[in-house]
Amino acid sequence: MVARLRAAPTSAWVWAFVAYSWTMTTVSAAWFARRFAVDRGEALGVAPSLLWQGAIYAAWLPAAAVVWLVLRRFGAGARGLAANFVAGIAVVPAQAAISSLIDAGFLGGGDFGARMLGRTPVCLLLYSAIVAVGLAAVHHRRAAEARARNALLESALAQARAVSPAPESERLMVMSGARRIPVDISAVEWFGAADNYVVVHWADREGAGREGLLRATLQGLEARLDPHLFARAHRSSLVNLAHVREAQPLSDGSWRLTLTSGGEVVTSRTYRDALLERLRGSS
């Protein structure tokens, strides 16, 4: 049961919270409205009080849609907060006016300006609460997407580690200083582009990182290597997934890959998405 709740999409959580909030707020406000009517010596039935308050708080659904659209457009950072602040300059008075019109429909005429002014603090509070819920929903969705991406990457890394090593004869002749050294492809941790050469990074038998040059292009290497083992991490780097010891998500959506030798390679967000799309297609 708990696992199913955690797996529920963000939209389900948001709609459940909206339904709960509207119901409880309507019932509570209707109760206070009836008490207020009794104190004034007036009679207000249960059904009219619920209809009255339910209409007022249902009118906030368009405002909630505005907040959500602003957050989707500008994100949940400083730009999103600033955009919602600007939107609130129009939304809060509009909601105060709508609430005052609904009040007039149930209570009769009166000073519309005074009613609107009296409604404004409550509208400001409700708008702030809606923005807070929207921010929480955005962060919840991003966290769920990040968990899904990380799970897919971990699955790909496990598959890469399970791939049989390349045959002993499959080697690259790498230039290291004045010497040419044979390096097993399975020992290569990652390749980095360097003009007309490729820098080959591998771990020796002691686990220490070493590097050398190979006369080739990164694109050519990628075309001939096993796609289950080697993946682009950046336009200038190609990583052996079997040598990735740890993948740490970064705040900008990229990954920091820690390799067997302790070296690190950052996967840009563009190539992260391309890698995930490829993994989905091969799964």
C-alpha atoms as a PDB file:
ATOM      1  CA  MET A   1       0.000   0.000   0.000  1.00  0.00           C
ATOM      2  CA  VAL A   2       2.780   2.425   0.953  1.00  0.00           C
ATOM      3  CA  ALA A   3       4.678   1.564  -2.232  1.00  0.00           C
ATOM      4  CA  ARG A   4       1.578   2.295  -4.324  1.00  0.00           C
ATOM      5  CA  LEU A   5       1.119   5.661  -2.655  1.00  0.00           C
ATOM      6  CA  ARG A   6       4.753   6.570  -3.291  1.00  0.00           C
ATOM      7  CA  ALA A   7       4.392   5.529  -6.930  1.00  0.00           C
ATOM      8  CA  ALA A   8       1.289   7.701  -7.441  1.00  0.00           C
ATOM      9  CA  PRO A   9       1.861  10.536  -9.952  1.00  0.00           C
ATOM     10  CA  THR A  10       2.191  14.089  -8.721  1.00  0.00           C
ATOM     11  CA  SER A  11      -1.101  15.053 -10.391  1.00  0.00           C
ATOM     12  CA  ALA A  12      -2.951  12.475  -8.255  1.00  0.00           C
ATOM     13  CA  TRP A  13      -1.449  13.923  -5.067  1.00  0.00           C
ATOM     14  CA  VAL A  14      -2.322  17.473  -6.135  1.00  0.00           C
ATOM     15  CA  TRP A  15      -5.931  16.658  -7.032  1.00  0.00           C
ATOM     16  CA  ALA A  16      -6.396  14.679  -3.813  1.00  0.00           C
ATOM     17  CA  PHE A  17      -5.059  17.631  -1.811  1.00  0.00           C
ATOM     18  CA  VAL A  18      -7.277  20.070  -3.743  1.00  0.00           C
ATOM     19  CA  ALA A  19     -10.374  17.962  -3.080  1.00  0.00           C
ATOM     20  CA  TYR A  20      -9.517  17.601   0.613  1.00  0.00           C
ATOM     21  CA  SER A  21      -8.720  21.303   1.026  1.00  0.00           C
ATOM     22  CA  TRP A  22     -11.881  22.448  -0.775  1.00  0.00           C
ATOM     23  CA  THR A  23     -14.104  20.093   1.227  1.00  0.00           C
ATOM     24  CA  MET A  24     -12.658  20.926   4.639  1.00  0.00           C
ATOM     25  CA  THR A  25     -12.444  24.669   3.966  1.00  0.00           C
ATOM     26  CA  THR A  26     -16.029  24.754   2.674  1.00  0.00           C
ATOM     27  CA  VAL A  27     -17.388  22.853   5.679  1.00  0.00           C
ATOM     28  CA  SER A  28     -15.419  24.971   8.178  1.00  0.00           C
ATOM     29  CA  ALA A  29     -16.337  28.270   6.517  1.00  0.00           C
ATOM     30  CA  ALA A  30     -19.997  27.207   6.283  1.00  0.00           C
ATOM     31  CA  TRP A  31     -20.035  26.446  10.007  1.00  0.00           C
ATOM     32  CA  PHE A  32     -18.632  29.881  10.850  1.00  0.00           C
ATOM     33  CA  ALA A  33     -21.065  31.523   8.397  1.00  0.00           C
ATOM     34  CA  ARG A  34     -24.023  29.893  10.175  1.00  0.00           C
ATOM     35  CA  ARG A  35     -22.661  30.987  13.569  1.00  0.00           C
ATOM     36  CA  PHE A  36     -22.284  34.526  12.233  1.00  0.00           C
ATOM     37  CA  ALA A  37     -25.874  34.478  10.948  1.00  0.00           C
ATOM     38  CA  VAL A  38     -27.173  33.212  14.309  1.00  0.00           C
ATOM     39  CA  ASP A  39     -25.297  35.973  16.150  1.00  0.00           C
ATOM     40  CA  ARG A  40     -27.022  38.495  13.871  1.00  0.00           C
ATOM     41  CA  GLY A  41     -30.415  36.909  14.554  1.00  0.00           C
ATOM     42  CA  GLU A  42     -30.718  35.525  11.042  1.00  0.00           C
ATOM     43  CA  ALA A  43     -31.486  31.980   9.881  1.00  0.00           C
ATOM     44  CA  LEU A  44     -29.067  30.263   7.485  1.00  0.00           C
ATOM     45  CA  GLY A  45     -29.636  26.634   6.563  1.00  0.00           C
ATOM     46  CA  VAL A  46     -26.921  24.025   6.173  1.00  0.00           C
ATOM     47  CA  ALA A  47     -27.402  23.631   2.421  1.00  0.00           C
ATOM     48  CA  PRO A  48     -27.303  27.388   1.607  1.00  0.00           C
ATOM     49  CA  SER A  49     -24.224  27.893   3.799  1.00  0.00           C
ATOM     50  CA  LEU A  50     -22.408  24.998   2.101  1.00  0.00           C
ATOM     51  CA  LEU A  51     -23.429  26.245  -1.351  1.00  0.00           C
ATOM     52  CA  TRP A  52     -22.323  29.778  -0.493  1.00  0.00           C
ATOM     53  CA  GLN A  53     -18.879  28.847   0.798  1.00  0.00           C
ATOM     54  CA  GLY A  54     -18.411  26.080  -1.754  1.00  0.00           C
ATOM     55  CA  ALA A  55     -18.955  28.569  -4.576  1.00  0.00           C
ATOM     56  CA  ILE A  56     -16.438  30.993  -3.071  1.00  0.00           C
ATOM     57  CA  TYR A  57     -13.659  28.435  -2.798  1.00  0.00           C
ATOM     58  CA  ALA A  58     -14.466  26.718  -6.102  1.00  0.00           C
ATOM     59  CA  ALA A  59     -13.809  30.108  -7.720  1.00  0.00           C
ATOM     60  CA  TRP A  60     -10.151  29.651  -6.717  1.00  0.00           C
ATOM     61  CA  LEU A  61      -9.616  26.818  -9.218  1.00  0.00           C
ATOM     62  CA  PRO A  62      -8.776  29.227 -12.093  1.00  0.00           C
ATOM     63  CA  ALA A  63      -6.282  30.994  -9.806  1.00  0.00           C
ATOM     64  CA  ALA A  64      -4.660  27.647  -8.997  1.00  0.00           C
ATOM     65  CA  ALA A  65      -4.425  26.936 -12.739  1.00  0.00           C
ATOM     66  CA  VAL A  66      -2.674  30.291 -13.244  1.00  0.00           C
ATOM     67  CA  VAL A  67      -0.136  29.456 -10.519  1.00  0.00           C
ATOM     68  CA  TRP A  68       0.563  26.032 -12.032  1.00  0.00           C
ATOM     69  CA  LEU A  69       0.991  27.445 -15.555  1.00  0.00           C
ATOM     70  CA  VAL A  70       3.376  30.117 -14.246  1.00  0.00           C
ATOM     71  CA  LEU A  71       5.467  27.495 -12.419  1.00  0.00           C
ATOM     72  CA  ARG A  72       5.592  25.269 -15.504  1.00  0.00           C
ATOM     73  CA  ARG A  73       6.684  28.230 -17.622  1.00  0.00           C
ATOM     74  CA  PHE A  74       9.224  29.821 -15.267  1.00  0.00           C
ATOM     75  CA  GLY A  75      10.132  26.953 -12.925  1.00  0.00           C
ATOM     76  CA  ALA A  76      10.131  26.749  -9.147  1.00  0.00           C
ATOM     77  CA  GLY A  77      13.110  29.040  -8.600  1.00  0.00           C
ATOM     78  CA  ALA A  78      13.418  32.790  -8.197  1.00  0.00           C
ATOM     79  CA  ARG A  79      11.900  33.474 -11.641  1.00  0.00           C
ATOM     80  CA  GLY A  80       8.818  31.404 -10.826  1.00  0.00           C
ATOM     81  CA  LEU A  81       8.352  33.136  -7.471  1.00  0.00           C
ATOM     82  CA  ALA A  82       8.738  36.573  -9.064  1.00  0.00           C
ATOM     83  CA  ALA A  83       6.275  35.696 -11.840  1.00  0.00           C
ATOM     84  CA  ASN A  84       3.719  34.443  -9.313  1.00  0.00           C
ATOM     85  CA  PHE A  85       4.174  37.622  -7.281  1.00  0.00           C
ATOM     86  CA  VAL A  86       3.366  39.681 -10.384  1.00  0.00           C
ATOM     87  CA  ALA A  87       0.405  37.434 -11.199  1.00  0.00           C
ATOM     88  CA  GLY A  88      -0.824  37.815  -7.620  1.00  0.00           C
ATOM     89  CA  ILE A  89      -1.168  41.579  -8.106  1.00  0.00           C
ATOM     90  CA  ALA A  90      -4.035  40.805 -10.487  1.00  0.00           C
ATOM     91  CA  VAL A  91      -5.286  37.498  -9.058  1.00  0.00           C
ATOM     92  CA  VAL A  92      -5.792  38.566  -5.425  1.00  0.00           C
ATOM     93  CA  PRO A  93      -8.014  41.630  -6.155  1.00  0.00           C
ATOM     94  CA  ALA A  94      -9.922  39.621  -8.787  1.00  0.00           C
ATOM     95  CA  GLN A  95     -10.626  36.834  -6.291  1.00  0.00           C
ATOM     96  CA  ALA A  96     -11.646  39.379  -3.655  1.00  0.00           C
ATOM     97  CA  ALA A  97     -14.104  40.885  -6.136  1.00  0.00           C
ATOM     98  CA  ILE A  98     -15.521  37.463  -7.111  1.00  0.00           C
ATOM     99  CA  SER A  99     -15.946  36.490  -3.457  1.00  0.00           C
ATOM    100  CA  SER A 100     -17.693  39.789  -2.737  1.00  0.00           C
ATOM    101  CA  LEU A 101     -20.101  39.230  -5.629  1.00  0.00           C
ATOM    102  CA  ILE A 102     -20.921  35.752  -4.320  1.00  0.00           C
ATOM    103  CA  ASP A 103     -21.437  37.238  -0.846  1.00  0.00           C
ATOM    104  CA  ALA A 104     -23.861  39.760  -2.326  1.00  0.00           C
ATOM    105  CA  GLY A 105     -25.796  36.965  -3.992  1.00  0.00           C
ATOM    106  CA  PHE A 106     -26.373  35.222  -0.661  1.00  0.00           C
ATOM    107  CA  LEU A 107     -26.482  38.177   1.720  1.00  0.00           C
ATOM    108  CA  GLY A 108     -28.090  40.813  -0.450  1.00  0.00           C
ATOM    109  CA  GLY A 109     -26.824  44.287  -1.202  1.00  0.00           C
ATOM    110  CA  GLY A 110     -24.276  46.190   0.783  1.00  0.00           C
ATOM    111  CA  ASP A 111     -21.070  48.155   0.495  1.00  0.00           C
ATOM    112  CA  PHE A 112     -19.220  46.232  -2.241  1.00  0.00           C
ATOM    113  CA  GLY A 113     -15.947  48.110  -1.668  1.00  0.00           C
ATOM    114  CA  ALA A 114     -15.971  47.310   2.048  1.00  0.00           C
ATOM    115  CA  ARG A 115     -16.704  43.652   1.389  1.00  0.00           C
ATOM    116  CA  MET A 116     -13.921  43.460  -1.162  1.00  0.00           C
ATOM    117  CA  LEU A 117     -11.472  45.123   1.219  1.00  0.00           C
ATOM    118  CA  GLY A 118     -12.487  42.720   3.979  1.00  0.00           C
ATOM    119  CA  ARG A 119     -11.970  39.729   1.681  1.00  0.00           C
ATOM    120  CA  THR A 120      -8.520  40.823   0.478  1.00  0.00           C
ATOM    121  CA  PRO A 121      -6.406  39.543   3.443  1.00  0.00           C
ATOM    122  CA  VAL A 122      -8.028  36.109   3.223  1.00  0.00           C
ATOM    123  CA  CYS A 123      -7.498  36.060  -0.554  1.00  0.00           C
ATOM    124  CA  LEU A 124      -3.856  36.997  -0.093  1.00  0.00           C
ATOM    125  CA  LEU A 125      -3.426  34.163   2.399  1.00  0.00           C
ATOM    126  CA  LEU A 126      -5.141  31.656   0.101  1.00  0.00           C
ATOM    127  CA  TYR A 127      -3.074  32.746  -2.893  1.00  0.00           C
ATOM    128  CA  SER A 128       0.153  32.341  -0.894  1.00  0.00           C
ATOM    129  CA  ALA A 129      -0.966  28.845   0.175  1.00  0.00           C
ATOM    130  CA  ILE A 130      -1.718  27.883  -3.441  1.00  0.00           C
ATOM    131  CA  VAL A 131       1.741  29.073  -4.539  1.00  0.00           C
ATOM    132  CA  ALA A 132       3.328  27.040  -1.717  1.00  0.00           C
ATOM    133  CA  VAL A 133       1.403  23.922  -2.749  1.00  0.00           C
ATOM    134  CA  GLY A 134       2.389  24.501  -6.386  1.00  0.00           C
ATOM    135  CA  LEU A 135       6.067  24.766  -5.425  1.00  0.00           C
ATOM    136  CA  ALA A 136       5.811  21.552  -3.404  1.00  0.00           C
ATOM    137  CA  ALA A 137       4.144  19.789  -6.343  1.00  0.00           C
ATOM    138  CA  VAL A 138       6.864  20.903  -8.767  1.00  0.00           C
ATOM    139  CA  HIS A 139       9.637  19.721  -6.437  1.00  0.00           C
ATOM    140  CA  HIS A 140       7.796  16.423  -5.828  1.00  0.00           C
ATOM    141  CA  ARG A 141       7.502  15.827  -9.568  1.00  0.00           C
ATOM    142  CA  ARG A 142      11.154  16.689 -10.163  1.00  0.00           C
ATOM    143  CA  ALA A 143      12.215  14.339  -7.363  1.00  0.00           C
ATOM    144  CA  ALA A 144      10.108  11.530  -8.854  1.00  0.00           C
ATOM    145  CA  GLU A 145      11.614  12.130 -12.310  1.00  0.00           C
ATOM    146  CA  ALA A 146      15.127  12.175 -10.834  1.00  0.00           C
ATOM    147  CA  ARG A 147      14.486   8.865  -9.026  1.00  0.00           C
ATOM    148  CA  ALA A 148      13.241   7.314 -12.268  1.00  0.00           C
ATOM    149  CA  ARG A 149      16.305   8.549 -14.179  1.00  0.00           C
ATOM    150  CA  ASN A 150      18.670   7.307 -11.490  1.00  0.00           C
ATOM    151  CA  ALA A 151      16.963   3.901 -11.393  1.00  0.00           C
ATOM    152  CA  LEU A 152      17.316   3.594 -15.167  1.00  0.00           C
ATOM    153  CA  LEU A 153      20.972   4.586 -15.014  1.00  0.00           C
ATOM    154  CA  GLU A 154      21.686   2.110 -12.211  1.00  0.00           C
ATOM    155  CA  SER A 155      20.028  -0.610 -14.293  1.00  0.00           C
ATOM    156  CA  ALA A 156      22.194   0.316 -17.279  1.00  0.00           C
ATOM    157  CA  LEU A 157      25.338   0.265 -15.142  1.00  0.00           C
ATOM    158  CA  ALA A 158      24.434  -3.174 -13.785  1.00  0.00           C
ATOM    159  CA  GLN A 159      23.914  -4.462 -17.324  1.00  0.00           C
ATOM    160  CA  ALA A 160      27.222  -2.978 -18.446  1.00  0.00           C
ATOM    161  CA  ARG A 161      29.113  -4.631 -15.570  1.00  0.00           C
ATOM    162  CA  ALA A 162      27.528  -7.960 -16.494  1.00  0.00           C
ATOM    163  CA  VAL A 163      28.759  -7.808 -20.102  1.00  0.00           C
ATOM    164  CA  SER A 164      31.622 -10.237 -20.739  1.00  0.00           C
ATOM    165  CA  PRO A 165      35.010  -8.548 -21.136  1.00  0.00           C
ATOM    166  CA  ALA A 166      36.322  -8.063 -24.640  1.00  0.00           C
ATOM    167  CA  PRO A 167      38.642 -10.787 -25.927  1.00  0.00           C
ATOM    168  CA  GLU A 168      42.281 -10.411 -24.995  1.00  0.00           C
ATOM    169  CA  SER A 169      43.160  -9.775 -28.654  1.00  0.00           C
ATOM    170  CA  GLU A 170      40.852  -6.748 -28.826  1.00  0.00           C
ATOM    171  CA  ARG A 171      43.280  -4.004 -27.910  1.00  0.00           C
ATOM    172  CA  LEU A 172      44.100  -0.439 -28.752  1.00  0.00           C
ATOM    173  CA  MET A 173      47.658   0.685 -29.455  1.00  0.00           C
ATOM    174  CA  VAL A 174      47.904   3.813 -27.347  1.00  0.00           C
ATOM    175  CA  MET A 175      50.790   6.297 -27.481  1.00  0.00           C
ATOM    176  CA  SER A 176      52.161   7.039 -24.032  1.00  0.00           C
ATOM    177  CA  GLY A 177      55.147   9.303 -24.321  1.00  0.00           C
ATOM    178  CA  ALA A 178      57.488   7.758 -26.903  1.00  0.00           C
ATOM    179  CA  ARG A 179      56.024   4.265 -26.514  1.00  0.00           C
ATOM    180  CA  ARG A 180      53.014   2.508 -27.953  1.00  0.00           C
ATOM    181  CA  ILE A 181      51.176   0.486 -25.290  1.00  0.00           C
ATOM    182  CA  PRO A 182      48.519  -2.154 -25.943  1.00  0.00           C
ATOM    183  CA  VAL A 183      45.416  -1.430 -23.845  1.00  0.00           C
ATOM    184  CA  ASP A 184      42.462  -3.784 -23.574  1.00  0.00           C
ATOM    185  CA  ILE A 185      39.259  -2.022 -24.549  1.00  0.00           C
ATOM    186  CA  SER A 186      37.588  -3.511 -21.470  1.00  0.00           C
ATOM    187  CA  ALA A 187      40.170  -1.692 -19.296  1.00  0.00           C
ATOM    188  CA  VAL A 188      39.374   1.731 -20.765  1.00  0.00           C
ATOM    189  CA  GLU A 189      37.411   3.945 -18.380  1.00  0.00           C
ATOM    190  CA  TRP A 190      36.678   6.767 -20.785  1.00  0.00           C
ATOM    191  CA  PHE A 191      37.767   8.495 -23.974  1.00  0.00           C
ATOM    192  CA  GLY A 192      38.187  12.254 -24.336  1.00  0.00           C
ATOM    193  CA  ALA A 193      38.373  14.196 -27.604  1.00  0.00           C
ATOM    194  CA  ALA A 194      41.557  16.187 -28.266  1.00  0.00           C
ATOM    195  CA  ASP A 195      41.605  17.729 -31.756  1.00  0.00           C
ATOM    196  CA  ASN A 196      42.594  14.931 -34.175  1.00  0.00           C
ATOM    197  CA  TYR A 197      43.334  12.529 -31.318  1.00  0.00           C
ATOM    198  CA  VAL A 198      41.450  10.788 -28.560  1.00  0.00           C
ATOM    199  CA  VAL A 199      42.803  10.699 -25.009  1.00  0.00           C
ATOM    200  CA  VAL A 200      42.420   7.179 -23.649  1.00  0.00           C
ATOM    201  CA  HIS A 201      41.965   6.900 -19.874  1.00  0.00           C
ATOM    202  CA  TRP A 202      42.388   3.480 -18.308  1.00  0.00           C
ATOM    203  CA  ALA A 203      43.216   1.890 -14.968  1.00  0.00           C
ATOM    204  CA  ASP A 204      46.329  -0.248 -14.621  1.00  0.00           C
ATOM    205  CA  ARG A 205      46.508  -3.478 -12.598  1.00  0.00           C
ATOM    206  CA  GLU A 206      47.013  -1.509  -9.382  1.00  0.00           C
ATOM    207  CA  GLY A 207      43.902   0.558 -10.110  1.00  0.00           C
ATOM    208  CA  ALA A 208      45.812   3.763 -10.793  1.00  0.00           C
ATOM    209  CA  GLY A 209      44.583   5.980 -13.602  1.00  0.00           C
ATOM    210  CA  ARG A 210      46.703   6.236 -16.750  1.00  0.00           C
ATOM    211  CA  GLU A 211      46.239   8.001 -20.070  1.00  0.00           C
ATOM    212  CA  GLY A 212      47.605   8.060 -23.587  1.00  0.00           C
ATOM    213  CA  LEU A 213      46.771   9.234 -27.094  1.00  0.00           C
ATOM    214  CA  LEU A 214      45.048   7.382 -29.910  1.00  0.00           C
ATOM    215  CA  ARG A 215      44.934   8.571 -33.515  1.00  0.00           C
ATOM    216  CA  ALA A 216      41.162   8.396 -34.001  1.00  0.00           C
ATOM    217  CA  THR A 217      37.950  10.345 -33.632  1.00  0.00           C
ATOM    218  CA  LEU A 218      35.452  10.005 -30.825  1.00  0.00           C
ATOM    219  CA  GLN A 219      32.650   9.513 -33.336  1.00  0.00           C
ATOM    220  CA  GLY A 220      34.524   6.705 -35.054  1.00  0.00           C
ATOM    221  CA  LEU A 221      35.220   4.959 -31.750  1.00  0.00           C
ATOM    222  CA  GLU A 222      31.612   5.263 -30.679  1.00  0.00           C
ATOM    223  CA  ALA A 223      30.460   3.626 -33.918  1.00  0.00           C
ATOM    224  CA  ARG A 224      32.641   0.540 -33.414  1.00  0.00           C
ATOM    225  CA  LEU A 225      32.330   0.047 -29.655  1.00  0.00           C
ATOM    226  CA  ASP A 226      29.625  -1.913 -27.819  1.00  0.00           C
ATOM    227  CA  PRO A 227      26.749   0.548 -27.147  1.00  0.00           C
ATOM    228  CA  HIS A 228      25.811  -1.411 -24.016  1.00  0.00           C
ATOM    229  CA  LEU A 229      29.229  -0.587 -22.573  1.00  0.00           C
ATOM    230  CA  PHE A 230      30.208   2.797 -23.982  1.00  0.00           C
ATOM    231  CA  ALA A 231      27.975   5.871 -23.918  1.00  0.00           C
ATOM    232  CA  ARG A 232      28.456   9.556 -24.618  1.00  0.00           C
ATOM    233  CA  ALA A 233      28.685  11.600 -21.440  1.00  0.00           C
ATOM    234  CA  HIS A 234      29.480  14.830 -23.267  1.00  0.00           C
ATOM    235  CA  ARG A 235      30.169  15.882 -26.839  1.00  0.00           C
ATOM    236  CA  SER A 236      33.860  15.403 -26.052  1.00  0.00           C
ATOM    237  CA  SER A 237      33.767  12.280 -23.844  1.00  0.00           C
ATOM    238  CA  LEU A 238      32.762   8.629 -24.134  1.00  0.00           C
ATOM    239  CA  VAL A 239      32.432   6.594 -20.920  1.00  0.00           C
ATOM    240  CA  ASN A 240      32.706   2.869 -20.238  1.00  0.00           C
ATOM    241  CA  LEU A 241      29.617   2.242 -18.089  1.00  0.00           C
ATOM    242  CA  ALA A 242      31.170  -0.908 -16.639  1.00  0.00           C
ATOM    243  CA  HIS A 243      33.789   1.256 -14.893  1.00  0.00           C
ATOM    244  CA  VAL A 244      31.309   3.702 -13.331  1.00  0.00           C
ATOM    245  CA  ARG A 245      31.502   3.144  -9.589  1.00  0.00           C
ATOM    246  CA  GLU A 246      29.018   5.820  -8.580  1.00  0.00           C
ATOM    247  CA  ALA A 247      26.604   8.201 -10.307  1.00  0.00           C
ATOM    248  CA  GLN A 248      25.706  11.345  -8.377  1.00  0.00           C
ATOM    249  CA  PRO A 249      22.918  13.648  -9.674  1.00  0.00           C
ATOM    250  CA  LEU A 250      23.779  17.348  -9.677  1.00  0.00           C
ATOM    251  CA  SER A 251      21.488  20.323  -9.108  1.00  0.00           C
ATOM    252  CA  ASP A 252      21.402  21.296 -12.802  1.00  0.00           C
ATOM    253  CA  GLY A 253      20.162  17.841 -13.862  1.00  0.00           C
ATOM    254  CA  SER A 254      23.533  16.485 -14.975  1.00  0.00           C
ATOM    255  CA  TRP A 255      25.388  13.522 -13.426  1.00  0.00           C
ATOM    256  CA  ARG A 256      28.832  13.239 -11.914  1.00  0.00           C
ATOM    257  CA  LEU A 257      30.216   9.779 -12.739  1.00  0.00           C
ATOM    258  CA  THR A 258      32.951   8.448 -10.455  1.00  0.00           C
ATOM    259  CA  LEU A 259      35.101   5.827 -12.155  1.00  0.00           C
ATOM    260  CA  THR A 260      37.012   2.817 -10.861  1.00  0.00           C
ATOM    261  CA  SER A 261      40.319   4.718 -10.649  1.00  0.00           C
ATOM    262  CA  GLY A 262      38.646   7.592  -8.770  1.00  0.00           C
ATOM    263  CA  GLY A 263      38.462   9.859 -11.803  1.00  0.00           C
ATOM    264  CA  GLU A 264      35.290  11.820 -12.484  1.00  0.00           C
ATOM    265  CA  VAL A 265      33.362  12.643 -15.634  1.00  0.00           C
ATOM    266  CA  VAL A 266      30.317  14.909 -15.744  1.00  0.00           C
ATOM    267  CA  THR A 267      27.466  13.876 -18.018  1.00  0.00           C
ATOM    268  CA  SER A 268      25.786  16.930 -19.463  1.00  0.00           C
ATOM    269  CA  ARG A 269      22.009  17.169 -19.296  1.00  0.00           C
ATOM    270  CA  THR A 270      21.696  16.910 -23.110  1.00  0.00           C
ATOM    271  CA  TYR A 271      23.616  13.635 -23.308  1.00  0.00           C
ATOM    272  CA  ARG A 272      21.946  12.403 -20.140  1.00  0.00           C
ATOM    273  CA  ASP A 273      18.566  12.669 -21.854  1.00  0.00           C
ATOM    274  CA  ALA A 274      19.894  11.040 -25.017  1.00  0.00           C
ATOM    275  CA  LEU A 275      21.377   8.185 -22.992  1.00  0.00           C
ATOM    276  CA  LEU A 276      18.130   7.638 -21.097  1.00  0.00           C
ATOM    277  CA  GLU A 277      16.165   7.640 -24.344  1.00  0.00           C
ATOM    278  CA  ARG A 278      18.505   5.037 -25.788  1.00  0.00           C
ATOM    279  CA  LEU A 279      18.269   2.893 -22.673  1.00  0.00           C
ATOM    280  CA  ARG A 280      14.469   3.040 -22.791  1.00  0.00           C
ATOM    281  CA  GLY A 281      14.542   1.942 -26.413  1.00  0.00           C
ATOM    282  CA  SER A 282      16.833  -1.008 -25.679  1.00  0.00           C
ATOM    283  CA  SER A 283      14.972  -2.168 -22.560  1.00  0.00           C
END
